[in-house]
């Protein structure tokens, strides 16, 4: 299974249409973990980080947690696998 990443992550590289890109979020609330993820080809790391952030905000709104304080981590030091 190839690791998520793109040719754009190498010095002088550019994201190719065939590069795999993923986003994910996890919300911890009331002792529960809620998560979602998806991906697409040809997207940049920045696009996926912002997509994860926006999707998590949508979920918080659906849960009625628009007044709750929250912390955000846009990048984790883990290499995820895409299958």
PDB file of N, CA and C in Angstrom:
ATOM      1  N   UNK A   1       0.858  -1.166   0.000  1.00  0.00           N
ATOM      2  CA  UNK A   1       0.000   0.000   0.000  1.00  0.00           C
ATOM      3  C   UNK A   1       0.910   1.237   0.000  1.00  0.00           C
ATOM      4  N   UNK A   2       0.789   2.100  -0.993  1.00  0.00           N
ATOM      5  CA  UNK A   2       1.651   3.289  -1.035  1.00  0.00           C
ATOM      6  C   UNK A   2       1.251   4.303   0.016  1.00  0.00           C
ATOM      7  N   UNK A   3       2.225   5.031   0.500  1.00  0.00           N
ATOM      8  CA  UNK A   3       1.963   6.070   1.494  1.00  0.00           C
ATOM      9  C   UNK A   3       1.367   7.289   0.825  1.00  0.00           C
ATOM     10  N   UNK A   4       0.529   8.005   1.562  1.00  0.00           N
ATOM     11  CA  UNK A   4      -0.019   9.265   1.053  1.00  0.00           C
ATOM     12  C   UNK A   4       1.119  10.250   0.903  1.00  0.00           C
ATOM     13  N   UNK A   5       1.105  10.967  -0.128  1.00  0.00           N
ATOM     14  CA  UNK A   5       2.156  11.944  -0.386  1.00  0.00           C
ATOM     15  C   UNK A   5       2.124  12.276  -1.866  1.00  0.00           C
ATOM     16  N   UNK A   6       2.881  13.234  -2.257  1.00  0.00           N
ATOM     17  CA  UNK A   6       2.847  13.619  -3.655  1.00  0.00           C
ATOM     18  C   UNK A   6       4.238  13.954  -4.138  1.00  0.00           C
ATOM     19  N   UNK A   7       4.370  13.996  -5.438  1.00  0.00           N
ATOM     20  CA  UNK A   7       5.639  14.402  -6.020  1.00  0.00           C
ATOM     21  C   UNK A   7       5.928  15.848  -5.669  1.00  0.00           C
ATOM     22  N   UNK A   8       4.903  16.602  -5.290  1.00  0.00           N
ATOM     23  CA  UNK A   8       5.069  18.004  -4.911  1.00  0.00           C
ATOM     24  C   UNK A   8       5.756  18.189  -3.577  1.00  0.00           C
ATOM     25  N   UNK A   9       5.915  17.110  -2.814  1.00  0.00           N
ATOM     26  CA  UNK A   9       6.588  17.236  -1.523  1.00  0.00           C
ATOM     27  C   UNK A   9       8.100  17.158  -1.653  1.00  0.00           C
ATOM     28  N   UNK A  10       8.597  16.812  -2.818  1.00  0.00           N
ATOM     29  CA  UNK A  10      10.034  16.766  -3.048  1.00  0.00           C
ATOM     30  C   UNK A  10      10.512  18.105  -3.591  1.00  0.00           C
ATOM     31  N   UNK A  11      11.716  18.478  -3.227  1.00  0.00           N
ATOM     32  CA  UNK A  11      12.271  19.754  -3.668  1.00  0.00           C
ATOM     33  C   UNK A  11      12.176  19.877  -5.186  1.00  0.00           C
ATOM     34  N   UNK A  12      11.579  20.967  -5.637  1.00  0.00           N
ATOM     35  CA  UNK A  12      11.427  21.220  -7.061  1.00  0.00           C
ATOM     36  C   UNK A  12      10.291  20.443  -7.712  1.00  0.00           C
ATOM     37  N   UNK A  13       9.563  19.650  -6.927  1.00  0.00           N
ATOM     38  CA  UNK A  13       8.488  18.829  -7.472  1.00  0.00           C
ATOM     39  C   UNK A  13       7.181  19.586  -7.554  1.00  0.00           C
ATOM     40  N   UNK A  14       6.274  19.038  -8.323  1.00  0.00           N
ATOM     41  CA  UNK A  14       4.940  19.604  -8.478  1.00  0.00           C
ATOM     42  C   UNK A  14       3.930  18.487  -8.328  1.00  0.00           C
ATOM     43  N   UNK A  15       2.780  18.790  -7.761  1.00  0.00           N
ATOM     44  CA  UNK A  15       1.735  17.793  -7.594  1.00  0.00           C
ATOM     45  C   UNK A  15       1.246  17.363  -8.970  1.00  0.00           C
ATOM     46  N   UNK A  16       1.163  16.052  -9.141  1.00  0.00           N
ATOM     47  CA  UNK A  16       0.678  15.474 -10.392  1.00  0.00           C
ATOM     48  C   UNK A  16      -0.789  15.072 -10.228  1.00  0.00           C
ATOM     49  N   UNK A  17      -1.504  14.956 -11.339  1.00  0.00           N
ATOM     50  CA  UNK A  17      -2.911  14.557 -11.291  1.00  0.00           C
ATOM     51  C   UNK A  17      -3.112  13.185 -10.659  1.00  0.00           C
ATOM     52  N   UNK A  18      -2.095  12.338 -10.701  1.00  0.00           N
ATOM     53  CA  UNK A  18      -2.206  10.980 -10.162  1.00  0.00           C
ATOM     54  C   UNK A  18      -1.757  10.873  -8.701  1.00  0.00           C
ATOM     55  N   UNK A  19      -1.268  11.952  -8.097  1.00  0.00           N
ATOM     56  CA  UNK A  19      -0.836  11.926  -6.701  1.00  0.00           C
ATOM     57  C   UNK A  19      -2.042  11.802  -5.771  1.00  0.00           C
ATOM     58  N   UNK A  20      -1.935  10.903  -4.786  1.00  0.00           N
ATOM     59  CA  UNK A  20      -3.014  10.703  -3.820  1.00  0.00           C
ATOM     60  C   UNK A  20      -2.913  11.746  -2.714  1.00  0.00           C
ATOM     61  N   UNK A  21      -4.050  12.284  -2.323  1.00  0.00           N
ATOM     62  CA  UNK A  21      -4.099  13.259  -1.239  1.00  0.00           C
ATOM     63  C   UNK A  21      -5.299  12.922  -0.356  1.00  0.00           C
ATOM     64  N   UNK A  22      -5.132  13.053   0.953  1.00  0.00           N
ATOM     65  CA  UNK A  22      -6.209  12.728   1.887  1.00  0.00           C
ATOM     66  C   UNK A  22      -6.374  13.821   2.938  1.00  0.00           C
ATOM     67  N   UNK A  23      -7.573  13.895   3.492  1.00  0.00           N
ATOM     68  CA  UNK A  23      -7.837  14.762   4.632  1.00  0.00           C
ATOM     69  C   UNK A  23      -8.548  13.925   5.685  1.00  0.00           C
ATOM     70  N   UNK A  24      -8.433  14.337   6.917  1.00  0.00           N
ATOM     71  CA  UNK A  24      -9.120  13.650   8.009  1.00  0.00           C
ATOM     72  C   UNK A  24      -9.253  14.594   9.191  1.00  0.00           C
ATOM     73  N   UNK A  25     -10.282  14.351   9.990  1.00  0.00           N
ATOM     74  CA  UNK A  25     -10.412  15.071  11.253  1.00  0.00           C
ATOM     75  C   UNK A  25     -10.930  14.117  12.309  1.00  0.00           C
ATOM     76  N   UNK A  26     -10.695  14.465  13.556  1.00  0.00           N
ATOM     77  CA  UNK A  26     -11.248  13.742  14.680  1.00  0.00           C
ATOM     78  C   UNK A  26     -11.688  14.777  15.715  1.00  0.00           C
ATOM     79  N   UNK A  27     -12.909  14.642  16.162  1.00  0.00           N
ATOM     80  CA  UNK A  27     -13.463  15.520  17.190  1.00  0.00           C
ATOM     81  C   UNK A  27     -13.680  14.668  18.433  1.00  0.00           C
ATOM     82  N   UNK A  28     -13.169  15.115  19.559  1.00  0.00           N
ATOM     83  CA  UNK A  28     -13.413  14.459  20.836  1.00  0.00           C
ATOM     84  C   UNK A  28     -14.376  15.337  21.625  1.00  0.00           C
ATOM     85  N   UNK A  29     -15.522  14.749  22.012  1.00  0.00           N
ATOM     86  CA  UNK A  29     -16.537  15.508  22.745  1.00  0.00           C
ATOM     87  C   UNK A  29     -17.351  14.545  23.593  1.00  0.00           C
ATOM     88  N   UNK A  30     -17.561  14.906  24.836  1.00  0.00           N
ATOM     89  CA  UNK A  30     -18.340  14.087  25.778  1.00  0.00           C
ATOM     90  C   UNK A  30     -17.850  12.641  25.815  1.00  0.00           C
ATOM     91  N   UNK A  31     -16.545  12.444  25.774  1.00  0.00           N
ATOM     92  CA  UNK A  31     -15.982  11.111  25.858  1.00  0.00           C
ATOM     93  C   UNK A  31     -16.090  10.283  24.587  1.00  0.00           C
ATOM     94  N   UNK A  32     -16.547  10.893  23.516  1.00  0.00           N
ATOM     95  CA  UNK A  32     -16.689  10.180  22.238  1.00  0.00           C
ATOM     96  C   UNK A  32     -15.727  10.781  21.217  1.00  0.00           C
ATOM     97  N   UNK A  33     -15.333   9.951  20.278  1.00  0.00           N
ATOM     98  CA  UNK A  33     -14.517  10.409  19.165  1.00  0.00           C
ATOM     99  C   UNK A  33     -15.323  10.296  17.878  1.00  0.00           C
ATOM    100  N   UNK A  34     -15.430  11.401  17.170  1.00  0.00           N
ATOM    101  CA  UNK A  34     -16.116  11.438  15.876  1.00  0.00           C
ATOM    102  C   UNK A  34     -15.079  11.776  14.819  1.00  0.00           C
ATOM    103  N   UNK A  35     -15.042  11.011  13.759  1.00  0.00           N
ATOM    104  CA  UNK A  35     -14.023  11.231  12.739  1.00  0.00           C
ATOM    105  C   UNK A  35     -14.603  11.073  11.343  1.00  0.00           C
ATOM    106  N   UNK A  36     -13.938  11.684  10.402  1.00  0.00           N
ATOM    107  CA  UNK A  36     -14.302  11.547   8.995  1.00  0.00           C
ATOM    108  C   UNK A  36     -13.039  11.752   8.175  1.00  0.00           C
ATOM    109  N   UNK A  37     -13.045  11.224   6.986  1.00  0.00           N
ATOM    110  CA  UNK A  37     -11.908  11.403   6.085  1.00  0.00           C
ATOM    111  C   UNK A  37     -12.339  11.096   4.663  1.00  0.00           C
ATOM    112  N   UNK A  38     -11.564  11.579   3.737  1.00  0.00           N
ATOM    113  CA  UNK A  38     -11.782  11.309   2.310  1.00  0.00           C
ATOM    114  C   UNK A  38     -10.503  11.728   1.595  1.00  0.00           C
ATOM    115  N   UNK A  39     -10.527  11.642   0.317  1.00  0.00           N
ATOM    116  CA  UNK A  39      -9.349  12.039  -0.442  1.00  0.00           C
ATOM    117  C   UNK A  39      -9.681  12.264  -1.897  1.00  0.00           C
ATOM    118  N   UNK A  40      -8.680  12.703  -2.607  1.00  0.00           N
ATOM    119  CA  UNK A  40      -8.825  12.864  -4.054  1.00  0.00           C
ATOM    120  C   UNK A  40      -7.439  12.941  -4.675  1.00  0.00           C
ATOM    121  N   UNK A  41      -7.411  12.756  -5.939  1.00  0.00           N
ATOM    122  CA  UNK A  41      -6.151  12.796  -6.673  1.00  0.00           C
ATOM    123  C   UNK A  41      -5.802  14.224  -7.059  1.00  0.00           C
ATOM    124  N   UNK A  42      -4.528  14.526  -7.054  1.00  0.00           N
ATOM    125  CA  UNK A  42      -4.044  15.798  -7.574  1.00  0.00           C
ATOM    126  C   UNK A  42      -4.196  17.004  -6.669  1.00  0.00           C
ATOM    127  N   UNK A  43      -4.514  16.789  -5.405  1.00  0.00           N
ATOM    128  CA  UNK A  43      -4.677  17.918  -4.481  1.00  0.00           C
ATOM    129  C   UNK A  43      -3.378  18.137  -3.709  1.00  0.00           C
ATOM    130  N   UNK A  44      -3.172  19.350  -3.260  1.00  0.00           N
ATOM    131  CA  UNK A  44      -1.985  19.657  -2.461  1.00  0.00           C
ATOM    132  C   UNK A  44      -2.247  19.360  -0.989  1.00  0.00           C
ATOM    133  N   UNK A  45      -1.179  19.255  -0.231  1.00  0.00           N
ATOM    134  CA  UNK A  45      -1.262  19.067   1.202  1.00  0.00           C
ATOM    135  C   UNK A  45      -2.041  20.217   1.847  1.00  0.00           C
ATOM    136  N   UNK A  46      -1.781  21.425   1.418  1.00  0.00           N
ATOM    137  CA  UNK A  46      -2.485  22.590   1.970  1.00  0.00           C
ATOM    138  C   UNK A  46      -3.981  22.498   1.713  1.00  0.00           C
ATOM    139  N   UNK A  47      -4.368  22.087   0.507  1.00  0.00           N
ATOM    140  CA  UNK A  47      -5.796  21.929   0.200  1.00  0.00           C
ATOM    141  C   UNK A  47      -6.445  20.914   1.139  1.00  0.00           C
ATOM    142  N   UNK A  48      -5.755  19.807   1.377  1.00  0.00           N
ATOM    143  CA  UNK A  48      -6.320  18.759   2.218  1.00  0.00           C
ATOM    144  C   UNK A  48      -6.389  19.192   3.677  1.00  0.00           C
ATOM    145  N   UNK A  49      -5.394  19.913   4.160  1.00  0.00           N
ATOM    146  CA  UNK A  49      -5.442  20.419   5.534  1.00  0.00           C
ATOM    147  C   UNK A  49      -6.609  21.376   5.716  1.00  0.00           C
ATOM    148  N   UNK A  50      -6.811  22.266   4.778  1.00  0.00           N
ATOM    149  CA  UNK A  50      -7.910  23.226   4.897  1.00  0.00           C
ATOM    150  C   UNK A  50      -9.261  22.529   4.727  1.00  0.00           C
ATOM    151  N   UNK A  51      -9.324  21.518   3.872  1.00  0.00           N
ATOM    152  CA  UNK A  51     -10.565  20.760   3.710  1.00  0.00           C
ATOM    153  C   UNK A  51     -10.923  20.069   5.021  1.00  0.00           C
ATOM    154  N   UNK A  52      -9.936  19.474   5.679  1.00  0.00           N
ATOM    155  CA  UNK A  52     -10.187  18.826   6.971  1.00  0.00           C
ATOM    156  C   UNK A  52     -10.716  19.835   7.985  1.00  0.00           C
ATOM    157  N   UNK A  53     -10.108  20.996   8.019  1.00  0.00           N
ATOM    158  CA  UNK A  53     -10.543  22.044   8.947  1.00  0.00           C
ATOM    159  C   UNK A  53     -11.985  22.466   8.662  1.00  0.00           C
ATOM    160  N   UNK A  54     -12.296  22.725   7.401  1.00  0.00           N
ATOM    161  CA  UNK A  54     -13.649  23.161   7.034  1.00  0.00           C
ATOM    162  C   UNK A  54     -14.684  22.072   7.299  1.00  0.00           C
ATOM    163  N   UNK A  55     -14.343  20.833   6.993  1.00  0.00           N
ATOM    164  CA  UNK A  55     -15.271  19.728   7.239  1.00  0.00           C
ATOM    165  C   UNK A  55     -15.508  19.539   8.738  1.00  0.00           C
ATOM    166  N   UNK A  56     -14.472  19.740   9.544  1.00  0.00           N
ATOM    167  CA  UNK A  56     -14.650  19.619  10.996  1.00  0.00           C
ATOM    168  C   UNK A  56     -15.540  20.745  11.523  1.00  0.00           C
ATOM    169  N   UNK A  57     -15.398  21.947  10.972  1.00  0.00           N
ATOM    170  CA  UNK A  57     -16.285  23.046  11.379  1.00  0.00           C
ATOM    171  C   UNK A  57     -17.735  22.744  11.021  1.00  0.00           C
ATOM    172  N   UNK A  58     -17.962  22.155   9.856  1.00  0.00           N
ATOM    173  CA  UNK A  58     -19.323  21.764   9.464  1.00  0.00           C
ATOM    174  C   UNK A  58     -19.896  20.759  10.463  1.00  0.00           C
ATOM    175  N   UNK A  59     -19.069  19.792  10.859  1.00  0.00           N
ATOM    176  CA  UNK A  59     -19.528  18.774  11.810  1.00  0.00           C
ATOM    177  C   UNK A  59     -19.826  19.406  13.166  1.00  0.00           C
ATOM    178  N   UNK A  60     -18.971  20.311  13.624  1.00  0.00           N
ATOM    179  CA  UNK A  60     -19.230  21.001  14.887  1.00  0.00           C
ATOM    180  C   UNK A  60     -20.554  21.749  14.824  1.00  0.00           C
ATOM    181  N   UNK A  61     -20.837  22.380  13.698  1.00  0.00           N
ATOM    182  CA  UNK A  61     -22.108  23.089  13.537  1.00  0.00           C
ATOM    183  C   UNK A  61     -23.275  22.109  13.578  1.00  0.00           C
ATOM    184  N   UNK A  62     -23.149  20.971  12.903  1.00  0.00           N
ATOM    185  CA  UNK A  62     -24.202  19.953  12.930  1.00  0.00           C
ATOM    186  C   UNK A  62     -24.468  19.462  14.353  1.00  0.00           C
ATOM    187  N   UNK A  63     -23.420  19.382  15.146  1.00  0.00           N
ATOM    188  CA  UNK A  63     -23.538  18.915  16.527  1.00  0.00           C
ATOM    189  C   UNK A  63     -24.020  19.999  17.484  1.00  0.00           C
ATOM    190  N   UNK A  64     -24.175  21.221  16.980  1.00  0.00           N
ATOM    191  CA  UNK A  64     -24.611  22.329  17.824  1.00  0.00           C
ATOM    192  C   UNK A  64     -23.524  22.838  18.744  1.00  0.00           C
ATOM    193  N   UNK A  65     -22.280  22.640  18.363  1.00  0.00           N
ATOM    194  CA  UNK A  65     -21.154  23.051  19.206  1.00  0.00           C
ATOM    195  C   UNK A  65     -20.500  24.325  18.700  1.00  0.00           C
ATOM    196  N   UNK A  66     -21.287  25.248  18.247  1.00  0.00           N
ATOM    197  CA  UNK A  66     -20.729  26.477  17.677  1.00  0.00           C
ATOM    198  C   UNK A  66     -20.209  27.442  18.733  1.00  0.00           C
ATOM    199  N   UNK A  67     -20.580  27.239  19.996  1.00  0.00           N
ATOM    200  CA  UNK A  67     -20.105  28.120  21.050  1.00  0.00           C
ATOM    201  C   UNK A  67     -19.009  27.474  21.899  1.00  0.00           C
ATOM    202  N   UNK A  68     -18.628  26.252  21.547  1.00  0.00           N
ATOM    203  CA  UNK A  68     -17.626  25.525  22.336  1.00  0.00           C
ATOM    204  C   UNK A  68     -16.216  25.943  21.933  1.00  0.00           C
ATOM    205  N   UNK A  69     -15.321  25.973  22.909  1.00  0.00           N
ATOM    206  CA  UNK A  69     -13.910  26.225  22.615  1.00  0.00           C
ATOM    207  C   UNK A  69     -13.326  24.955  22.006  1.00  0.00           C
ATOM    208  N   UNK A  70     -12.370  25.114  21.098  1.00  0.00           N
ATOM    209  CA  UNK A  70     -11.747  23.937  20.501  1.00  0.00           C
ATOM    210  C   UNK A  70     -10.312  24.245  20.095  1.00  0.00           C
ATOM    211  N   UNK A  71      -9.538  23.194  19.950  1.00  0.00           N
ATOM    212  CA  UNK A  71      -8.143  23.304  19.505  1.00  0.00           C
ATOM    213  C   UNK A  71      -8.021  22.624  18.145  1.00  0.00           C
ATOM    214  N   UNK A  72      -7.127  23.133  17.326  1.00  0.00           N
ATOM    215  CA  UNK A  72      -6.949  22.610  15.977  1.00  0.00           C
ATOM    216  C   UNK A  72      -5.485  22.237  15.762  1.00  0.00           C
ATOM    217  N   UNK A  73      -5.279  21.084  15.171  1.00  0.00           N
ATOM    218  CA  UNK A  73      -3.945  20.666  14.733  1.00  0.00           C
ATOM    219  C   UNK A  73      -4.068  20.340  13.257  1.00  0.00           C
ATOM    220  N   UNK A  74      -3.422  21.144  12.403  1.00  0.00           N
ATOM    221  CA  UNK A  74      -3.577  20.948  10.967  1.00  0.00           C
ATOM    222  C   UNK A  74      -2.614  19.926  10.376  1.00  0.00           C
ATOM    223  N   UNK A  75      -1.617  19.545  11.110  1.00  0.00           N
ATOM    224  CA  UNK A  75      -0.693  18.559  10.555  1.00  0.00           C
ATOM    225  C   UNK A  75      -0.140  17.701  11.672  1.00  0.00           C
ATOM    226  N   UNK A  76      -0.233  16.402  11.494  1.00  0.00           N
ATOM    227  CA  UNK A  76       0.285  15.470  12.475  1.00  0.00           C
ATOM    228  C   UNK A  76       1.592  14.870  11.959  1.00  0.00           C
ATOM    229  N   UNK A  77       2.524  14.594  12.851  1.00  0.00           N
ATOM    230  CA  UNK A  77       3.799  14.018  12.428  1.00  0.00           C
ATOM    231  C   UNK A  77       3.714  12.523  12.202  1.00  0.00           C
ATOM    232  N   UNK A  78       2.689  12.097  11.464  1.00  0.00           N
ATOM    233  CA  UNK A  78       2.458  10.682  11.181  1.00  0.00           C
ATOM    234  C   UNK A  78       2.249  10.533   9.682  1.00  0.00           C
ATOM    235  N   UNK A  79       2.770   9.485   9.106  1.00  0.00           N
ATOM    236  CA  UNK A  79       2.565   9.225   7.683  1.00  0.00           C
ATOM    237  C   UNK A  79       1.434   8.221   7.550  1.00  0.00           C
ATOM    238  N   UNK A  80       0.296   8.662   7.041  1.00  0.00           N
ATOM    239  CA  UNK A  80      -0.867   7.801   6.893  1.00  0.00           C
ATOM    240  C   UNK A  80      -0.782   7.027   5.581  1.00  0.00           C
ATOM    241  N   UNK A  81      -1.434   5.886   5.573  1.00  0.00           N
ATOM    242  CA  UNK A  81      -1.464   5.029   4.391  1.00  0.00           C
ATOM    243  C   UNK A  81      -2.778   5.219   3.651  1.00  0.00           C
ATOM    244  N   UNK A  82      -2.706   5.228   2.346  1.00  0.00           N
ATOM    245  CA  UNK A  82      -3.877   5.349   1.487  1.00  0.00           C
ATOM    246  C   UNK A  82      -3.989   4.051   0.709  1.00  0.00           C
ATOM    247  N   UNK A  83      -5.172   3.490   0.663  1.00  0.00           N
ATOM    248  CA  UNK A  83      -5.304   2.188   0.001  1.00  0.00           C
ATOM    249  C   UNK A  83      -6.127   2.189  -1.216  1.00  0.00           C
TER     250      UNK A  83
END
